[in-house]
Amino acid sequence: MKDVRHPDTAELTLIGVMSALSDPIRVGLVRVLGDGAERGWGELRAPVAKSTLSHHLRVLRDAGVTWTRQEGTRCFVNLRRADLESRFPGLLDAVLDAAEGDDVGRQVELRPESQ
């Protein structure tokens, strides 16, 4: 992973965040990360190719929904809950509640050994 840019909280846009959350796989990733724990990319299991999962994680990062850090050859991701809450109060909780109620993103899970 190259040196990546994370948008500042003030740069987050509603359209950018909502666009990033318009895909069920990305919503599933956010649901998994909703517990606040930082996760290694290898801990995430989704019904897509690794390159597609990487794309979804990049879209979330570029929109400011997640934060990614690299440690050696491993990449870790966590949800930018505080930043999203300060910029768009209540939005993330509303999206997560609706996703759970409609069972959106259920196909994304943590690998069993990660739980």
C-alpha atoms as a PDB file:
ATOM      1  CA  MET A   1       0.000   0.000   0.000  1.00  0.00           C
ATOM      2  CA  LYS A   2       1.390   3.369  -0.976  1.00  0.00           C
ATOM      3  CA  ASP A   3       1.383   6.397   1.267  1.00  0.00           C
ATOM      4  CA  VAL A   4      -2.330   7.120   1.538  1.00  0.00           C
ATOM      5  CA  ARG A   5      -4.200  10.332   2.194  1.00  0.00           C
ATOM      6  CA  HIS A   6      -7.055  10.520   4.650  1.00  0.00           C
ATOM      7  CA  PRO A   7      -9.377  13.518   4.337  1.00  0.00           C
ATOM      8  CA  ASP A   8      -9.552  15.847   7.315  1.00  0.00           C
ATOM      9  CA  THR A   9     -12.850  15.847   9.193  1.00  0.00           C
ATOM     10  CA  ALA A  10     -13.749  19.248   7.712  1.00  0.00           C
ATOM     11  CA  GLU A  11     -13.270  17.813   4.209  1.00  0.00           C
ATOM     12  CA  LEU A  12     -15.866  15.061   4.657  1.00  0.00           C
ATOM     13  CA  THR A  13     -18.928  15.610   2.510  1.00  0.00           C
ATOM     14  CA  LEU A  14     -22.368  14.143   2.917  1.00  0.00           C
ATOM     15  CA  ILE A  15     -22.442  13.121  -0.749  1.00  0.00           C
ATOM     16  CA  GLY A  16     -19.035  11.428  -0.461  1.00  0.00           C
ATOM     17  CA  VAL A  17     -19.957   9.501   2.680  1.00  0.00           C
ATOM     18  CA  MET A  18     -23.381   8.473   1.384  1.00  0.00           C
ATOM     19  CA  SER A  19     -21.884   7.432  -1.940  1.00  0.00           C
ATOM     20  CA  ALA A  20     -19.340   5.252  -0.144  1.00  0.00           C
ATOM     21  CA  LEU A  21     -22.179   3.676   1.845  1.00  0.00           C
ATOM     22  CA  SER A  22     -24.256   2.921  -1.250  1.00  0.00           C
ATOM     23  CA  ASP A  23     -22.841  -0.578  -1.685  1.00  0.00           C
ATOM     24  CA  PRO A  24     -23.929  -3.563   0.474  1.00  0.00           C
ATOM     25  CA  ILE A  25     -20.359  -4.870   0.821  1.00  0.00           C
ATOM     26  CA  ARG A  26     -19.155  -1.492   2.077  1.00  0.00           C
ATOM     27  CA  VAL A  27     -22.089  -1.266   4.489  1.00  0.00           C
ATOM     28  CA  GLY A  28     -21.153  -4.745   5.709  1.00  0.00           C
ATOM     29  CA  LEU A  29     -17.580  -3.623   6.284  1.00  0.00           C
ATOM     30  CA  VAL A  30     -18.828  -0.652   8.292  1.00  0.00           C
ATOM     31  CA  ARG A  31     -21.092  -2.974  10.305  1.00  0.00           C
ATOM     32  CA  VAL A  32     -18.122  -5.218  11.139  1.00  0.00           C
ATOM     33  CA  LEU A  33     -16.001  -2.209  12.092  1.00  0.00           C
ATOM     34  CA  GLY A  34     -18.870  -0.705  14.093  1.00  0.00           C
ATOM     35  CA  ASP A  35     -17.612  -2.301  17.304  1.00  0.00           C
ATOM     36  CA  GLY A  36     -14.744   0.206  17.303  1.00  0.00           C
ATOM     37  CA  ALA A  37     -11.941  -2.353  17.044  1.00  0.00           C
ATOM     38  CA  GLU A  38      -9.153  -1.949  14.545  1.00  0.00           C
ATOM     39  CA  ARG A  39      -9.071  -4.916  12.159  1.00  0.00           C
ATOM     40  CA  GLY A  40      -6.413  -6.320   9.887  1.00  0.00           C
ATOM     41  CA  TRP A  41      -7.542  -6.614   6.280  1.00  0.00           C
ATOM     42  CA  GLY A  42      -6.923 -10.353   6.519  1.00  0.00           C
ATOM     43  CA  GLU A  43      -9.517 -10.610   9.309  1.00  0.00           C
ATOM     44  CA  LEU A  44     -12.298  -9.450   6.987  1.00  0.00           C
ATOM     45  CA  ARG A  45     -14.253 -12.008   4.996  1.00  0.00           C
ATOM     46  CA  ALA A  46     -16.497 -10.938   2.130  1.00  0.00           C
ATOM     47  CA  PRO A  47     -17.862 -12.785  -0.915  1.00  0.00           C
ATOM     48  CA  VAL A  48     -15.610 -10.869  -3.318  1.00  0.00           C
ATOM     49  CA  ALA A  49     -12.074 -11.186  -4.659  1.00  0.00           C
ATOM     50  CA  LYS A  50      -9.261  -9.702  -2.568  1.00  0.00           C
ATOM     51  CA  SER A  51      -8.745  -6.981  -5.175  1.00  0.00           C
ATOM     52  CA  THR A  52     -12.443  -6.053  -4.969  1.00  0.00           C
ATOM     53  CA  LEU A  53     -12.308  -5.998  -1.174  1.00  0.00           C
ATOM     54  CA  SER A  54      -9.284  -3.718  -1.421  1.00  0.00           C
ATOM     55  CA  HIS A  55     -11.263  -1.436  -3.751  1.00  0.00           C
ATOM     56  CA  HIS A  56     -14.176  -1.252  -1.281  1.00  0.00           C
ATOM     57  CA  LEU A  57     -11.794  -0.433   1.576  1.00  0.00           C
ATOM     58  CA  ARG A  58     -10.196   2.310  -0.541  1.00  0.00           C
ATOM     59  CA  VAL A  59     -13.587   3.842  -1.347  1.00  0.00           C
ATOM     60  CA  LEU A  60     -14.438   3.953   2.364  1.00  0.00           C
ATOM     61  CA  ARG A  61     -11.042   5.475   3.199  1.00  0.00           C
ATOM     62  CA  ASP A  62     -11.216   8.083   0.440  1.00  0.00           C
ATOM     63  CA  ALA A  63     -14.666   9.164   1.637  1.00  0.00           C
ATOM     64  CA  GLY A  64     -13.387   9.505   5.202  1.00  0.00           C
ATOM     65  CA  VAL A  65     -15.478   6.662   6.613  1.00  0.00           C
ATOM     66  CA  THR A  66     -12.447   4.591   7.674  1.00  0.00           C
ATOM     67  CA  TRP A  67      -8.847   5.089   8.633  1.00  0.00           C
ATOM     68  CA  THR A  68      -6.179   2.752   7.243  1.00  0.00           C
ATOM     69  CA  ARG A  69      -2.683   2.271   8.585  1.00  0.00           C
ATOM     70  CA  GLN A  70       0.131   0.071   7.415  1.00  0.00           C
ATOM     71  CA  GLU A  71       2.465  -1.825   9.699  1.00  0.00           C
ATOM     72  CA  GLY A  72       5.120  -3.628   7.716  1.00  0.00           C
ATOM     73  CA  THR A  73       3.281  -5.678   5.117  1.00  0.00           C
ATOM     74  CA  ARG A  74      -0.016  -5.683   7.016  1.00  0.00           C
ATOM     75  CA  CYS A  75      -2.812  -3.136   6.690  1.00  0.00           C
ATOM     76  CA  PHE A  76      -5.280  -2.284   9.434  1.00  0.00           C
ATOM     77  CA  VAL A  77      -8.564  -0.426   9.222  1.00  0.00           C
ATOM     78  CA  ASN A  78     -10.913   1.163  11.715  1.00  0.00           C
ATOM     79  CA  LEU A  79     -14.062   3.230  11.552  1.00  0.00           C
ATOM     80  CA  ARG A  80     -13.763   7.013  11.933  1.00  0.00           C
ATOM     81  CA  ARG A  81     -16.804   7.099  14.191  1.00  0.00           C
ATOM     82  CA  ALA A  82     -15.858  10.250  16.131  1.00  0.00           C
ATOM     83  CA  ASP A  83     -15.025  12.185  12.961  1.00  0.00           C
ATOM     84  CA  LEU A  84     -18.264  11.134  11.269  1.00  0.00           C
ATOM     85  CA  GLU A  85     -20.286  11.939  14.382  1.00  0.00           C
ATOM     86  CA  SER A  86     -18.759  15.404  14.697  1.00  0.00           C
ATOM     87  CA  ARG A  87     -19.360  16.186  11.019  1.00  0.00           C
ATOM     88  CA  PHE A  88     -22.752  14.452  10.563  1.00  0.00           C
ATOM     89  CA  PRO A  89     -24.325  13.856  14.003  1.00  0.00           C
ATOM     90  CA  GLY A  90     -26.405  10.695  14.138  1.00  0.00           C
ATOM     91  CA  LEU A  91     -25.776   9.667  10.529  1.00  0.00           C
ATOM     92  CA  LEU A  92     -23.591   6.641  11.194  1.00  0.00           C
ATOM     93  CA  ASP A  93     -25.900   5.260  13.879  1.00  0.00           C
ATOM     94  CA  ALA A  94     -28.906   5.737  11.595  1.00  0.00           C
ATOM     95  CA  VAL A  95     -27.152   3.923   8.742  1.00  0.00           C
ATOM     96  CA  LEU A  96     -26.026   1.076  11.000  1.00  0.00           C
ATOM     97  CA  ASP A  97     -29.498   0.704  12.548  1.00  0.00           C
ATOM     98  CA  ALA A  98     -31.159   0.650   9.118  1.00  0.00           C
ATOM     99  CA  ALA A  99     -28.568  -1.799   7.764  1.00  0.00           C
ATOM    100  CA  GLU A 100     -29.143  -4.144  10.668  1.00  0.00           C
ATOM    101  CA  GLY A 101     -32.910  -3.868  10.371  1.00  0.00           C
ATOM    102  CA  ASP A 102     -32.822  -4.569   6.634  1.00  0.00           C
ATOM    103  CA  ASP A 103     -29.991  -7.128   7.003  1.00  0.00           C
ATOM    104  CA  VAL A 104     -27.784  -5.200   4.565  1.00  0.00           C
ATOM    105  CA  GLY A 105     -24.153  -6.293   4.476  1.00  0.00           C
ATOM    106  CA  ARG A 106     -24.666  -9.500   6.458  1.00  0.00           C
ATOM    107  CA  GLN A 107     -22.413 -11.362   4.021  1.00  0.00           C
ATOM    108  CA  VAL A 108     -19.365  -9.526   5.382  1.00  0.00           C
ATOM    109  CA  GLU A 109     -17.935 -11.138   8.496  1.00  0.00           C
ATOM    110  CA  LEU A 110     -14.831 -11.521  10.553  1.00  0.00           C
ATOM    111  CA  ARG A 111     -12.846 -14.668   9.933  1.00  0.00           C
ATOM    112  CA  PRO A 112     -13.706 -17.129  12.732  1.00  0.00           C
ATOM    113  CA  GLU A 113     -10.192 -17.063  14.216  1.00  0.00           C
ATOM    114  CA  SER A 114     -10.477 -13.240  14.536  1.00  0.00           C
ATOM    115  CA  GLN A 115     -13.555 -13.175  16.731  1.00  0.00           C
END
